[in-house]
Each structure stands twice: as structure tokens, then as C-alpha cells.
Amino acid sequence: MQLFDAILAAVAALAGAVASVAGFGVGSLLTPTLAMQTGTKAAVAAVTIPHMVATSIRFWQLRTHVDWKVVKSFGLTSAAGGLLGALLHGLLQSAALTAVLALLLIFAGAAGITGFAERMRFGRAGAWIAGAVSGLFGGLVGNQGGIRSAAMLGFNVRRDAFVATATAVALLVDAARLPVYLYLDGAEMLRLWPQIAWMTAGVVIGTLLGKRLLQRIPETAFRRVLGVLILLLGVWMGFRAYIEWSEARAKPVTLVLLTMTTKATFPSEFQPGEGGKTTVYMARWINTCGEKGPWSEIFSATEAA
């Protein structure tokens, strides 16, 4: 077990415990943590499996309180949004997904700290739209719980049925998006199976044991601390988005490999008639393990005539 796997399992246990009380948190905490090693695109797909397992456990525990009328309407709309989001996830680059996730985490964290999340309300028509949007973000970057909870307030669901119904809706969204990820990112998910296994084990433990531990914390304090944690993760993901965008802009997709060398200088030969043309160069280090560093700035030179 690697150090990062241990950290991942611990975060997964915390996320499972948080979700058992708040009704969301697995995607918000696990996705940015895994993305530190894999990038956001792969992390969103991989976290879906432990997210679905934890949601299934919560659903089974709360199944008798589910408002099926809301699930059949609002839930199906959210699932459709989740399917669309998963398809868009396959089209977007990791840097764009990182930026979207960062914005959602910052919003969710700030809303939790200020109490705006508890005051946010939608009318019935707005709730339908918010439900579809929450599913869309769930499929796109795996983050949906806060918007979904706010949207469900527009349906006047009984208090004892609220978390149970939100859990059932989340399970529908997971069922809609997971097949798309398996089709588009199955090879990457298979490569990450050890991390997926550790995350799944962590969320199961957290889901089963966490509620008894976290219920001792006053609800207001719990939501504020969770908001601060999610906000910090959002700021971190925002920084990662900036780095990924910078690297993407510098990626030499239109250039060809000139040489690989262990020396500080190397000759570059040109054909007759190429004098006066401008040549563009980029470089980066690659260590003996094959790990690649960032690309340099673009620099150019004009060949002598």
C-alpha cells in the first residue's frame, strides 16, 4: 500500500461519513484528492464507483422513507442531465473539467460557510431546471449534491424523506453516468483499480460508522467546517486548473520531435533553400523513469541565408 493510497482511503472514509450525515460529500472530497495524481478527467470517472457503492448503502438504509413520486419525476430529469453531462465529460479536456469542478467547489464551500446553502430555495419550475443542472454537473465533474438538495426543497418533501429521496436521485444519476464512463474511460479506470478499491473500502467504512461519530458534532459547526474544507479544495483545484491551462497552451501539438539528448547543446541541420526561415523550438526534461517535466516557453530563431 502506497502512501497516497493510504491518504486516499482515509479521505474516502471521511467522505463516506460526511455523506451519511449531509447526504453528499463523496464526490466533493474524493474527486479533487484523486485528481492530484490522475488529473480531473480520470478522477471523475474513477470516483463514480465508490460514490455509487456508498450511495447504494445509504439508499438501502433509508429505502422505507423514499418519496417515489419525486424520484419518478425529479429523479428521472436529474438522471437525464447526468447522462448528458457524462457525454460532455468525454468531449472536454481535463483542464476545462478542473476549472468547472473548482468553481463548483468554491461555490459549495462558500455557501456552506455563509449559510446560503440552507437559505437557497427554488420554485417548483426552477426546481426541475436545477435538478437537471445538478445531474448535468454530476455527469460532467461528479459534483451535484448541494444543487440537488437545494432543488428538492421546491418539492416540499417531508423531512424524514428528504435525505432518502435525495439519495435515491443520486443513485439514478450514478446509474446513468457510469456506463458512459466505462465505455469512454474504461481502460483508464482499469489502470486505477487499486485506487478505486481503496476508495471503495474507505467509503464503506465511513458510511457504516461515520454517522454515529459525526452526529455528536453540532449541525451548524459541522456544516461550517465542511464548507471550509470544500472551499479550500476548490481553491486548490482552481490553482491546478491554471497550471493545466498553461501547460495546454504550451503543448507543441503542431511541432515534430527533433532529438533527445543528454547534452546541454545539440546541432540542428537544415536543407539548402531553408535559409531565412524562422524555426520554432520547445524543450523539456525527461528523467530516467520516463517522467516528463513541463514544456519550456516557445523560442525561435531565423536561419542564416
C-alpha atoms as a PDB file:
ATOM      1  CA  MET A   1       0.000   0.000   0.000  1.00  0.00           C
ATOM      2  CA  GLN A   2       1.494   3.309  -1.145  1.00  0.00           C
ATOM      3  CA  LEU A   3       1.322   6.476   0.962  1.00  0.00           C
ATOM      4  CA  PHE A   4      -1.077   8.124  -1.478  1.00  0.00           C
ATOM      5  CA  ASP A   5      -3.363   5.059  -1.362  1.00  0.00           C
ATOM      6  CA  ALA A   6      -3.479   5.350   2.430  1.00  0.00           C
ATOM      7  CA  ILE A   7      -4.346   9.051   2.182  1.00  0.00           C
ATOM      8  CA  LEU A   8      -6.995   8.230  -0.410  1.00  0.00           C
ATOM      9  CA  ALA A   9      -8.559   5.563   1.821  1.00  0.00           C
ATOM     10  CA  ALA A  10      -8.619   7.956   4.796  1.00  0.00           C
ATOM     11  CA  VAL A  11     -10.256  10.720   2.732  1.00  0.00           C
ATOM     12  CA  ALA A  12     -12.744   8.162   1.403  1.00  0.00           C
ATOM     13  CA  ALA A  13     -13.691   7.126   4.945  1.00  0.00           C
ATOM     14  CA  LEU A  14     -14.168  10.793   5.897  1.00  0.00           C
ATOM     15  CA  ALA A  15     -16.208  11.407   2.730  1.00  0.00           C
ATOM     16  CA  GLY A  16     -18.429   8.393   3.427  1.00  0.00           C
ATOM     17  CA  ALA A  17     -19.014   9.609   6.985  1.00  0.00           C
ATOM     18  CA  VAL A  18     -19.817  13.148   5.825  1.00  0.00           C
ATOM     19  CA  ALA A  19     -22.245  11.863   3.190  1.00  0.00           C
ATOM     20  CA  SER A  20     -24.008   9.680   5.759  1.00  0.00           C
ATOM     21  CA  VAL A  21     -24.929  12.860   7.653  1.00  0.00           C
ATOM     22  CA  ALA A  22     -25.089  15.594   4.986  1.00  0.00           C
ATOM     23  CA  GLY A  23     -26.361  13.467   2.095  1.00  0.00           C
ATOM     24  CA  PHE A  24     -23.424  14.485  -0.133  1.00  0.00           C
ATOM     25  CA  GLY A  25     -19.654  14.811   0.103  1.00  0.00           C
ATOM     26  CA  VAL A  26     -18.114  11.731  -1.536  1.00  0.00           C
ATOM     27  CA  GLY A  27     -17.574  13.402  -4.905  1.00  0.00           C
ATOM     28  CA  SER A  28     -16.705  16.786  -3.380  1.00  0.00           C
ATOM     29  CA  LEU A  29     -13.884  15.353  -1.242  1.00  0.00           C
ATOM     30  CA  LEU A  30     -12.642  12.346  -3.211  1.00  0.00           C
ATOM     31  CA  THR A  31     -12.547  13.745  -6.759  1.00  0.00           C
ATOM     32  CA  PRO A  32     -10.101  16.614  -6.081  1.00  0.00           C
ATOM     33  CA  THR A  33      -7.969  14.325  -3.906  1.00  0.00           C
ATOM     34  CA  LEU A  34      -7.584  11.663  -6.607  1.00  0.00           C
ATOM     35  CA  ALA A  35      -7.179  14.354  -9.281  1.00  0.00           C
ATOM     36  CA  MET A  36      -3.896  15.400  -7.635  1.00  0.00           C
ATOM     37  CA  GLN A  37      -2.403  12.200  -9.061  1.00  0.00           C
ATOM     38  CA  THR A  38      -4.522  11.360 -12.092  1.00  0.00           C
ATOM     39  CA  GLY A  39      -5.975  14.588 -13.452  1.00  0.00           C
ATOM     40  CA  THR A  40      -9.629  15.567 -13.176  1.00  0.00           C
ATOM     41  CA  LYS A  41     -10.953  13.653 -16.193  1.00  0.00           C
ATOM     42  CA  ALA A  42      -9.796  10.245 -14.913  1.00  0.00           C
ATOM     43  CA  ALA A  43     -10.656  11.098 -11.293  1.00  0.00           C
ATOM     44  CA  VAL A  44     -14.305  11.898 -12.083  1.00  0.00           C
ATOM     45  CA  ALA A  45     -14.756   8.541 -13.791  1.00  0.00           C
ATOM     46  CA  ALA A  46     -12.912   6.523 -11.132  1.00  0.00           C
ATOM     47  CA  VAL A  47     -14.698   8.106  -8.155  1.00  0.00           C
ATOM     48  CA  THR A  48     -18.082   7.151  -9.632  1.00  0.00           C
ATOM     49  CA  ILE A  49     -17.654   3.553  -8.435  1.00  0.00           C
ATOM     50  CA  PRO A  50     -17.074   4.276  -4.706  1.00  0.00           C
ATOM     51  CA  HIS A  51     -19.675   7.035  -4.953  1.00  0.00           C
ATOM     52  CA  MET A  52     -22.243   4.575  -6.278  1.00  0.00           C
ATOM     53  CA  VAL A  53     -21.356   1.974  -3.629  1.00  0.00           C
ATOM     54  CA  ALA A  54     -21.709   4.488  -0.771  1.00  0.00           C
ATOM     55  CA  THR A  55     -24.954   5.828  -2.226  1.00  0.00           C
ATOM     56  CA  SER A  56     -26.333   2.290  -2.563  1.00  0.00           C
ATOM     57  CA  ILE A  57     -25.623   1.576   1.111  1.00  0.00           C
ATOM     58  CA  ARG A  58     -27.327   4.790   2.200  1.00  0.00           C
ATOM     59  CA  PHE A  59     -30.262   4.056  -0.086  1.00  0.00           C
ATOM     60  CA  TRP A  60     -30.743   0.598   1.444  1.00  0.00           C
ATOM     61  CA  GLN A  61     -30.619   2.053   4.955  1.00  0.00           C
ATOM     62  CA  LEU A  62     -33.207   4.740   4.111  1.00  0.00           C
ATOM     63  CA  ARG A  63     -35.318   2.910   1.496  1.00  0.00           C
ATOM     64  CA  THR A  64     -38.524   2.949   3.545  1.00  0.00           C
ATOM     65  CA  HIS A  65     -38.539   6.776   3.642  1.00  0.00           C
ATOM     66  CA  VAL A  66     -38.133   7.447  -0.105  1.00  0.00           C
ATOM     67  CA  ASP A  67     -40.767   9.658  -1.776  1.00  0.00           C
ATOM     68  CA  TRP A  68     -41.103   7.683  -5.015  1.00  0.00           C
ATOM     69  CA  LYS A  69     -43.317  10.287  -6.653  1.00  0.00           C
ATOM     70  CA  VAL A  70     -40.450  12.775  -6.556  1.00  0.00           C
ATOM     71  CA  VAL A  71     -37.957  10.132  -7.695  1.00  0.00           C
ATOM     72  CA  LYS A  72     -40.066   9.252 -10.758  1.00  0.00           C
ATOM     73  CA  SER A  73     -40.259  12.883 -11.867  1.00  0.00           C
ATOM     74  CA  PHE A  74     -37.382  14.944 -10.492  1.00  0.00           C
ATOM     75  CA  GLY A  75     -35.103  11.892 -10.338  1.00  0.00           C
ATOM     76  CA  LEU A  76     -35.543  10.968 -13.999  1.00  0.00           C
ATOM     77  CA  THR A  77     -34.891  14.585 -15.023  1.00  0.00           C
ATOM     78  CA  SER A  78     -31.692  14.577 -12.969  1.00  0.00           C
ATOM     79  CA  ALA A  79     -30.641  11.239 -14.491  1.00  0.00           C
ATOM     80  CA  ALA A  80     -31.127  12.671 -17.991  1.00  0.00           C
ATOM     81  CA  GLY A  81     -28.902  15.587 -17.003  1.00  0.00           C
ATOM     82  CA  GLY A  82     -26.341  13.126 -15.643  1.00  0.00           C
ATOM     83  CA  LEU A  83     -26.270  11.215 -18.933  1.00  0.00           C
ATOM     84  CA  LEU A  84     -25.765  14.425 -20.915  1.00  0.00           C
ATOM     85  CA  GLY A  85     -23.057  15.556 -18.503  1.00  0.00           C
ATOM     86  CA  ALA A  86     -21.199  12.249 -18.840  1.00  0.00           C
ATOM     87  CA  LEU A  87     -21.262  12.567 -22.637  1.00  0.00           C
ATOM     88  CA  LEU A  88     -19.895  16.126 -22.390  1.00  0.00           C
ATOM     89  CA  HIS A  89     -17.258  14.855 -19.954  1.00  0.00           C
ATOM     90  CA  GLY A  90     -15.952  12.644 -22.750  1.00  0.00           C
ATOM     91  CA  LEU A  91     -15.592  15.628 -25.078  1.00  0.00           C
ATOM     92  CA  LEU A  92     -13.879  18.124 -22.754  1.00  0.00           C
ATOM     93  CA  GLN A  93     -10.217  18.279 -21.820  1.00  0.00           C
ATOM     94  CA  SER A  94      -9.093  17.728 -18.233  1.00  0.00           C
ATOM     95  CA  ALA A  95      -8.175  21.411 -17.777  1.00  0.00           C
ATOM     96  CA  ALA A  96     -11.728  22.530 -18.587  1.00  0.00           C
ATOM     97  CA  LEU A  97     -13.184  19.927 -16.225  1.00  0.00           C
ATOM     98  CA  THR A  98     -10.802  21.037 -13.479  1.00  0.00           C
ATOM     99  CA  ALA A  99     -11.949  24.643 -13.875  1.00  0.00           C
ATOM    100  CA  VAL A 100     -15.644  23.660 -13.684  1.00  0.00           C
ATOM    101  CA  LEU A 101     -15.034  21.490 -10.621  1.00  0.00           C
ATOM    102  CA  ALA A 102     -13.065  24.284  -8.930  1.00  0.00           C
ATOM    103  CA  LEU A 103     -15.892  26.775  -9.445  1.00  0.00           C
ATOM    104  CA  LEU A 104     -18.497  24.341  -8.114  1.00  0.00           C
ATOM    105  CA  LEU A 105     -16.408  23.508  -5.036  1.00  0.00           C
ATOM    106  CA  ILE A 106     -15.743  27.175  -4.290  1.00  0.00           C
ATOM    107  CA  PHE A 107     -19.463  27.957  -4.608  1.00  0.00           C
ATOM    108  CA  ALA A 108     -20.473  24.985  -2.453  1.00  0.00           C
ATOM    109  CA  GLY A 109     -17.844  25.785   0.172  1.00  0.00           C
ATOM    110  CA  ALA A 110     -18.748  29.470   0.363  1.00  0.00           C
ATOM    111  CA  ALA A 111     -22.470  28.616   0.508  1.00  0.00           C
ATOM    112  CA  GLY A 112     -21.823  26.255   3.409  1.00  0.00           C
ATOM    113  CA  ILE A 113     -19.706  28.751   5.355  1.00  0.00           C
ATOM    114  CA  THR A 114     -22.131  31.663   4.944  1.00  0.00           C
ATOM    115  CA  GLY A 115     -25.282  29.601   5.459  1.00  0.00           C
ATOM    116  CA  PHE A 116     -26.500  30.461   1.948  1.00  0.00           C
ATOM    117  CA  ALA A 117     -26.932  26.744   1.208  1.00  0.00           C
ATOM    118  CA  GLU A 118     -29.650  26.489   3.874  1.00  0.00           C
ATOM    119  CA  ARG A 119     -31.413  29.635   2.604  1.00  0.00           C
ATOM    120  CA  MET A 120     -31.299  28.766  -1.107  1.00  0.00           C
ATOM    121  CA  ARG A 121     -34.764  27.970  -2.462  1.00  0.00           C
ATOM    122  CA  PHE A 122     -36.242  27.228  -5.896  1.00  0.00           C
ATOM    123  CA  GLY A 123     -39.849  27.377  -7.019  1.00  0.00           C
ATOM    124  CA  ARG A 124     -41.319  24.201  -8.458  1.00  0.00           C
ATOM    125  CA  ALA A 125     -40.436  25.092 -12.062  1.00  0.00           C
ATOM    126  CA  GLY A 126     -36.982  26.249 -11.001  1.00  0.00           C
ATOM    127  CA  ALA A 127     -36.527  23.025  -9.058  1.00  0.00           C
ATOM    128  CA  TRP A 128     -36.999  20.967 -12.223  1.00  0.00           C
ATOM    129  CA  ILE A 129     -34.352  23.035 -14.012  1.00  0.00           C
ATOM    130  CA  ALA A 130     -32.000  22.908 -11.015  1.00  0.00           C
ATOM    131  CA  GLY A 131     -32.474  19.137 -10.860  1.00  0.00           C
ATOM    132  CA  ALA A 132     -31.422  18.748 -14.493  1.00  0.00           C
ATOM    133  CA  VAL A 133     -28.470  21.106 -13.908  1.00  0.00           C
ATOM    134  CA  SER A 134     -27.377  19.179 -10.806  1.00  0.00           C
ATOM    135  CA  GLY A 135     -27.449  15.953 -12.823  1.00  0.00           C
ATOM    136  CA  LEU A 136     -25.513  17.651 -15.622  1.00  0.00           C
ATOM    137  CA  PHE A 137     -22.755  18.712 -13.226  1.00  0.00           C
ATOM    138  CA  GLY A 138     -22.841  15.252 -11.660  1.00  0.00           C
ATOM    139  CA  GLY A 139     -22.109  13.678 -15.027  1.00  0.00           C
ATOM    140  CA  LEU A 140     -19.625  16.358 -16.023  1.00  0.00           C
ATOM    141  CA  VAL A 141     -17.436  16.587 -12.903  1.00  0.00           C
ATOM    142  CA  GLY A 142     -19.075  14.320 -10.307  1.00  0.00           C
ATOM    143  CA  ASN A 143     -20.275  17.194  -8.102  1.00  0.00           C
ATOM    144  CA  GLN A 144     -24.019  17.631  -7.688  1.00  0.00           C
ATOM    145  CA  GLY A 145     -25.171  17.169  -4.092  1.00  0.00           C
ATOM    146  CA  GLY A 146     -25.521  20.784  -2.988  1.00  0.00           C
ATOM    147  CA  ILE A 147     -27.550  21.917  -6.015  1.00  0.00           C
ATOM    148  CA  ARG A 148     -29.717  18.787  -5.876  1.00  0.00           C
ATOM    149  CA  SER A 149     -30.538  19.331  -2.193  1.00  0.00           C
ATOM    150  CA  ALA A 150     -31.474  22.972  -2.818  1.00  0.00           C
ATOM    151  CA  ALA A 151     -33.646  21.988  -5.792  1.00  0.00           C
ATOM    152  CA  MET A 152     -35.512  19.341  -3.813  1.00  0.00           C
ATOM    153  CA  LEU A 153     -36.657  21.948  -1.301  1.00  0.00           C
ATOM    154  CA  GLY A 154     -39.044  23.131  -4.024  1.00  0.00           C
ATOM    155  CA  PHE A 155     -40.985  19.868  -3.798  1.00  0.00           C
ATOM    156  CA  ASN A 156     -41.885  20.166  -0.099  1.00  0.00           C
ATOM    157  CA  VAL A 157     -40.601  16.663   0.670  1.00  0.00           C
ATOM    158  CA  ARG A 158     -41.156  15.532   4.244  1.00  0.00           C
ATOM    159  CA  ARG A 159     -38.137  15.987   6.471  1.00  0.00           C
ATOM    160  CA  ASP A 160     -37.722  12.248   7.178  1.00  0.00           C
ATOM    161  CA  ALA A 161     -37.942  11.536   3.437  1.00  0.00           C
ATOM    162  CA  PHE A 162     -35.648  14.323   2.237  1.00  0.00           C
ATOM    163  CA  VAL A 163     -32.238  12.623   2.589  1.00  0.00           C
ATOM    164  CA  ALA A 164     -33.670   9.257   1.498  1.00  0.00           C
ATOM    165  CA  THR A 165     -35.176  10.737  -1.676  1.00  0.00           C
ATOM    166  CA  ALA A 166     -32.049  12.752  -2.469  1.00  0.00           C
ATOM    167  CA  THR A 167     -30.048   9.542  -2.099  1.00  0.00           C
ATOM    168  CA  ALA A 168     -32.346   7.689  -4.500  1.00  0.00           C
ATOM    169  CA  VAL A 169     -31.991  10.504  -7.045  1.00  0.00           C
ATOM    170  CA  ALA A 170     -28.193  10.437  -6.695  1.00  0.00           C
ATOM    171  CA  LEU A 171     -28.258   6.694  -7.354  1.00  0.00           C
ATOM    172  CA  LEU A 172     -30.215   7.256 -10.584  1.00  0.00           C
ATOM    173  CA  VAL A 173     -27.646   9.826 -11.739  1.00  0.00           C
ATOM    174  CA  ASP A 174     -24.811   7.388 -10.977  1.00  0.00           C
ATOM    175  CA  ALA A 175     -26.602   4.637 -12.916  1.00  0.00           C
ATOM    176  CA  ALA A 176     -26.955   6.984 -15.892  1.00  0.00           C
ATOM    177  CA  ARG A 177     -23.347   8.208 -15.994  1.00  0.00           C
ATOM    178  CA  LEU A 178     -21.316   5.132 -15.042  1.00  0.00           C
ATOM    179  CA  PRO A 179     -21.901   3.173 -18.323  1.00  0.00           C
ATOM    180  CA  VAL A 180     -20.714   6.204 -20.318  1.00  0.00           C
ATOM    181  CA  TYR A 181     -17.515   6.431 -18.266  1.00  0.00           C
ATOM    182  CA  LEU A 182     -16.900   2.694 -18.638  1.00  0.00           C
ATOM    183  CA  TYR A 183     -17.262   2.980 -22.407  1.00  0.00           C
ATOM    184  CA  LEU A 184     -15.156   6.117 -22.833  1.00  0.00           C
ATOM    185  CA  ASP A 185     -12.639   5.788 -19.970  1.00  0.00           C
ATOM    186  CA  GLY A 186     -12.750   2.067 -19.174  1.00  0.00           C
ATOM    187  CA  ALA A 187      -9.045   1.484 -19.840  1.00  0.00           C
ATOM    188  CA  GLU A 188      -8.025   4.325 -17.520  1.00  0.00           C
ATOM    189  CA  MET A 189     -10.431   3.129 -14.824  1.00  0.00           C
ATOM    190  CA  LEU A 190      -8.958  -0.367 -15.085  1.00  0.00           C
ATOM    191  CA  ARG A 191      -5.466   1.068 -14.622  1.00  0.00           C
ATOM    192  CA  LEU A 192      -6.683   2.800 -11.465  1.00  0.00           C
ATOM    193  CA  TRP A 193      -8.331  -0.296  -9.954  1.00  0.00           C
ATOM    194  CA  PRO A 194      -6.076  -0.334  -6.829  1.00  0.00           C
ATOM    195  CA  GLN A 195      -7.071   3.266  -6.011  1.00  0.00           C
ATOM    196  CA  ILE A 196     -10.729   2.510  -6.771  1.00  0.00           C
ATOM    197  CA  ALA A 197     -10.571  -0.488  -4.419  1.00  0.00           C
ATOM    198  CA  TRP A 198      -9.066   1.578  -1.578  1.00  0.00           C
ATOM    199  CA  MET A 199     -11.609   4.367  -2.082  1.00  0.00           C
ATOM    200  CA  THR A 200     -14.476   1.892  -2.106  1.00  0.00           C
ATOM    201  CA  ALA A 201     -13.282   0.234   1.103  1.00  0.00           C
ATOM    202  CA  GLY A 202     -12.918   3.656   2.730  1.00  0.00           C
ATOM    203  CA  VAL A 203     -16.387   4.919   1.822  1.00  0.00           C
ATOM    204  CA  VAL A 204     -17.998   1.677   3.006  1.00  0.00           C
ATOM    205  CA  ILE A 205     -16.340   2.003   6.424  1.00  0.00           C
ATOM    206  CA  GLY A 206     -17.155   5.708   6.620  1.00  0.00           C
ATOM    207  CA  THR A 207     -20.776   5.207   5.580  1.00  0.00           C
ATOM    208  CA  LEU A 208     -21.383   2.432   8.109  1.00  0.00           C
ATOM    209  CA  LEU A 209     -19.594   4.015  11.058  1.00  0.00           C
ATOM    210  CA  GLY A 210     -19.453   7.727  10.374  1.00  0.00           C
ATOM    211  CA  LYS A 211     -22.983   8.765  11.246  1.00  0.00           C
ATOM    212  CA  ARG A 212     -22.641   7.650  14.850  1.00  0.00           C
ATOM    213  CA  LEU A 213     -19.418   9.628  15.182  1.00  0.00           C
ATOM    214  CA  LEU A 214     -20.323  12.841  13.336  1.00  0.00           C
ATOM    215  CA  GLN A 215     -23.808  13.214  14.804  1.00  0.00           C
ATOM    216  CA  ARG A 216     -22.123  14.300  18.059  1.00  0.00           C
ATOM    217  CA  ILE A 217     -20.943  17.492  16.330  1.00  0.00           C
ATOM    218  CA  PRO A 218     -23.478  20.377  16.321  1.00  0.00           C
ATOM    219  CA  GLU A 219     -25.017  20.659  12.847  1.00  0.00           C
ATOM    220  CA  THR A 220     -24.070  24.315  12.362  1.00  0.00           C
ATOM    221  CA  ALA A 221     -20.421  23.682  13.260  1.00  0.00           C
ATOM    222  CA  PHE A 222     -20.379  20.550  11.098  1.00  0.00           C
ATOM    223  CA  ARG A 223     -21.617  22.414   8.009  1.00  0.00           C
ATOM    224  CA  ARG A 224     -19.222  25.316   8.555  1.00  0.00           C
ATOM    225  CA  VAL A 225     -16.173  23.038   8.880  1.00  0.00           C
ATOM    226  CA  LEU A 226     -17.270  21.050   5.833  1.00  0.00           C
ATOM    227  CA  GLY A 227     -17.730  24.316   3.921  1.00  0.00           C
ATOM    228  CA  VAL A 228     -14.194  25.463   4.767  1.00  0.00           C
ATOM    229  CA  LEU A 229     -12.747  22.119   3.657  1.00  0.00           C
ATOM    230  CA  ILE A 230     -14.650  22.138   0.353  1.00  0.00           C
ATOM    231  CA  LEU A 231     -13.709  25.793  -0.261  1.00  0.00           C
ATOM    232  CA  LEU A 232     -10.007  25.039   0.258  1.00  0.00           C
ATOM    233  CA  LEU A 233     -10.249  22.099  -2.137  1.00  0.00           C
ATOM    234  CA  GLY A 234     -11.933  24.404  -4.644  1.00  0.00           C
ATOM    235  CA  VAL A 235      -9.135  26.978  -4.393  1.00  0.00           C
ATOM    236  CA  TRP A 236      -6.572  24.198  -4.834  1.00  0.00           C
ATOM    237  CA  MET A 237      -8.406  22.881  -7.903  1.00  0.00           C
ATOM    238  CA  GLY A 238      -8.551  26.413  -9.265  1.00  0.00           C
ATOM    239  CA  PHE A 239      -4.762  26.607  -8.986  1.00  0.00           C
ATOM    240  CA  ARG A 240      -4.485  23.230 -10.740  1.00  0.00           C
ATOM    241  CA  ALA A 241      -6.799  24.462 -13.493  1.00  0.00           C
ATOM    242  CA  TYR A 242      -4.498  27.443 -14.066  1.00  0.00           C
ATOM    243  CA  ILE A 243      -1.460  25.152 -14.296  1.00  0.00           C
ATOM    244  CA  GLU A 244      -3.242  22.743 -16.654  1.00  0.00           C
ATOM    245  CA  TRP A 245      -4.404  25.591 -18.904  1.00  0.00           C
ATOM    246  CA  SER A 246      -0.873  26.995 -19.010  1.00  0.00           C
ATOM    247  CA  GLU A 247       0.557  23.614 -19.980  1.00  0.00           C
ATOM    248  CA  ALA A 248      -2.190  23.048 -22.552  1.00  0.00           C
ATOM    249  CA  ARG A 249      -1.440  26.394 -24.226  1.00  0.00           C
ATOM    250  CA  ALA A 250       2.247  25.483 -24.421  1.00  0.00           C
ATOM    251  CA  LYS A 251       1.695  21.938 -25.717  1.00  0.00           C
ATOM    252  CA  PRO A 252       3.521  21.599 -29.056  1.00  0.00           C
ATOM    253  CA  VAL A 253       0.751  19.734 -30.896  1.00  0.00           C
ATOM    254  CA  THR A 254       1.904  21.078 -34.274  1.00  0.00           C
ATOM    255  CA  LEU A 255       5.645  20.521 -33.751  1.00  0.00           C
ATOM    256  CA  VAL A 256       7.714  17.437 -34.568  1.00  0.00           C
ATOM    257  CA  LEU A 257      10.316  15.722 -32.397  1.00  0.00           C
ATOM    258  CA  LEU A 258      13.784  16.980 -33.307  1.00  0.00           C
ATOM    259  CA  THR A 259      16.019  14.975 -30.965  1.00  0.00           C
ATOM    260  CA  MET A 260      16.550  13.550 -27.493  1.00  0.00           C
ATOM    261  CA  THR A 261      19.879  14.357 -25.891  1.00  0.00           C
ATOM    262  CA  THR A 262      21.740  14.201 -22.589  1.00  0.00           C
ATOM    263  CA  LYS A 263      23.865  17.222 -23.517  1.00  0.00           C
ATOM    264  CA  ALA A 264      23.199  20.914 -22.975  1.00  0.00           C
ATOM    265  CA  THR A 265      23.659  21.715 -26.691  1.00  0.00           C
ATOM    266  CA  PHE A 266      22.992  19.877 -29.950  1.00  0.00           C
ATOM    267  CA  PRO A 267      23.333  20.682 -33.678  1.00  0.00           C
ATOM    268  CA  SER A 268      20.290  21.329 -35.863  1.00  0.00           C
ATOM    269  CA  GLU A 269      20.751  20.733 -39.593  1.00  0.00           C
ATOM    270  CA  PHE A 270      18.783  22.373 -42.424  1.00  0.00           C
ATOM    271  CA  GLN A 271      18.312  21.684 -46.102  1.00  0.00           C
ATOM    272  CA  PRO A 272      19.518  24.001 -48.896  1.00  0.00           C
ATOM    273  CA  GLY A 273      16.965  26.730 -49.586  1.00  0.00           C
ATOM    274  CA  GLU A 274      15.721  26.926 -45.979  1.00  0.00           C
ATOM    275  CA  GLY A 275      17.809  29.980 -45.166  1.00  0.00           C
ATOM    276  CA  GLY A 276      15.870  32.989 -43.915  1.00  0.00           C
ATOM    277  CA  LYS A 277      13.080  30.861 -42.462  1.00  0.00           C
ATOM    278  CA  THR A 278      12.085  31.034 -38.791  1.00  0.00           C
ATOM    279  CA  THR A 279      12.405  27.874 -36.719  1.00  0.00           C
ATOM    280  CA  VAL A 280      10.386  27.345 -33.527  1.00  0.00           C
ATOM    281  CA  TYR A 281      11.690  25.266 -30.613  1.00  0.00           C
ATOM    282  CA  MET A 282      10.388  23.887 -27.319  1.00  0.00           C
ATOM    283  CA  ALA A 283      12.135  21.615 -24.828  1.00  0.00           C
ATOM    284  CA  ARG A 284      11.517  19.692 -21.619  1.00  0.00           C
ATOM    285  CA  TRP A 285      13.294  17.313 -19.287  1.00  0.00           C
ATOM    286  CA  ILE A 286      12.539  13.595 -19.102  1.00  0.00           C
ATOM    287  CA  ASN A 287      14.076  11.655 -16.218  1.00  0.00           C
ATOM    288  CA  THR A 288      15.389   8.081 -16.270  1.00  0.00           C
ATOM    289  CA  CYS A 289      11.970   6.782 -15.152  1.00  0.00           C
ATOM    290  CA  GLY A 290      10.300   8.344 -18.172  1.00  0.00           C
ATOM    291  CA  GLU A 291       8.555  11.070 -16.126  1.00  0.00           C
ATOM    292  CA  LYS A 292       8.179  14.269 -18.146  1.00  0.00           C
ATOM    293  CA  GLY A 293       8.550  17.823 -16.943  1.00  0.00           C
ATOM    294  CA  PRO A 294       6.641  20.888 -18.189  1.00  0.00           C
ATOM    295  CA  TRP A 295       7.336  22.332 -21.638  1.00  0.00           C
ATOM    296  CA  SER A 296       9.537  25.391 -21.897  1.00  0.00           C
ATOM    297  CA  GLU A 297       8.400  28.692 -23.349  1.00  0.00           C
ATOM    298  CA  ILE A 298       8.410  28.802 -27.156  1.00  0.00           C
ATOM    299  CA  PHE A 299      11.602  30.317 -28.573  1.00  0.00           C
ATOM    300  CA  SER A 300      12.524  30.900 -32.203  1.00  0.00           C
ATOM    301  CA  ALA A 301      15.484  31.644 -34.428  1.00  0.00           C
ATOM    302  CA  THR A 302      15.919  32.766 -38.052  1.00  0.00           C
ATOM    303  CA  GLU A 303      18.263  30.605 -40.119  1.00  0.00           C
ATOM    304  CA  ALA A 304      21.100  32.308 -41.953  1.00  0.00           C
ATOM    305  CA  ALA A 305      20.615  32.653 -45.686  1.00  0.00           C
END
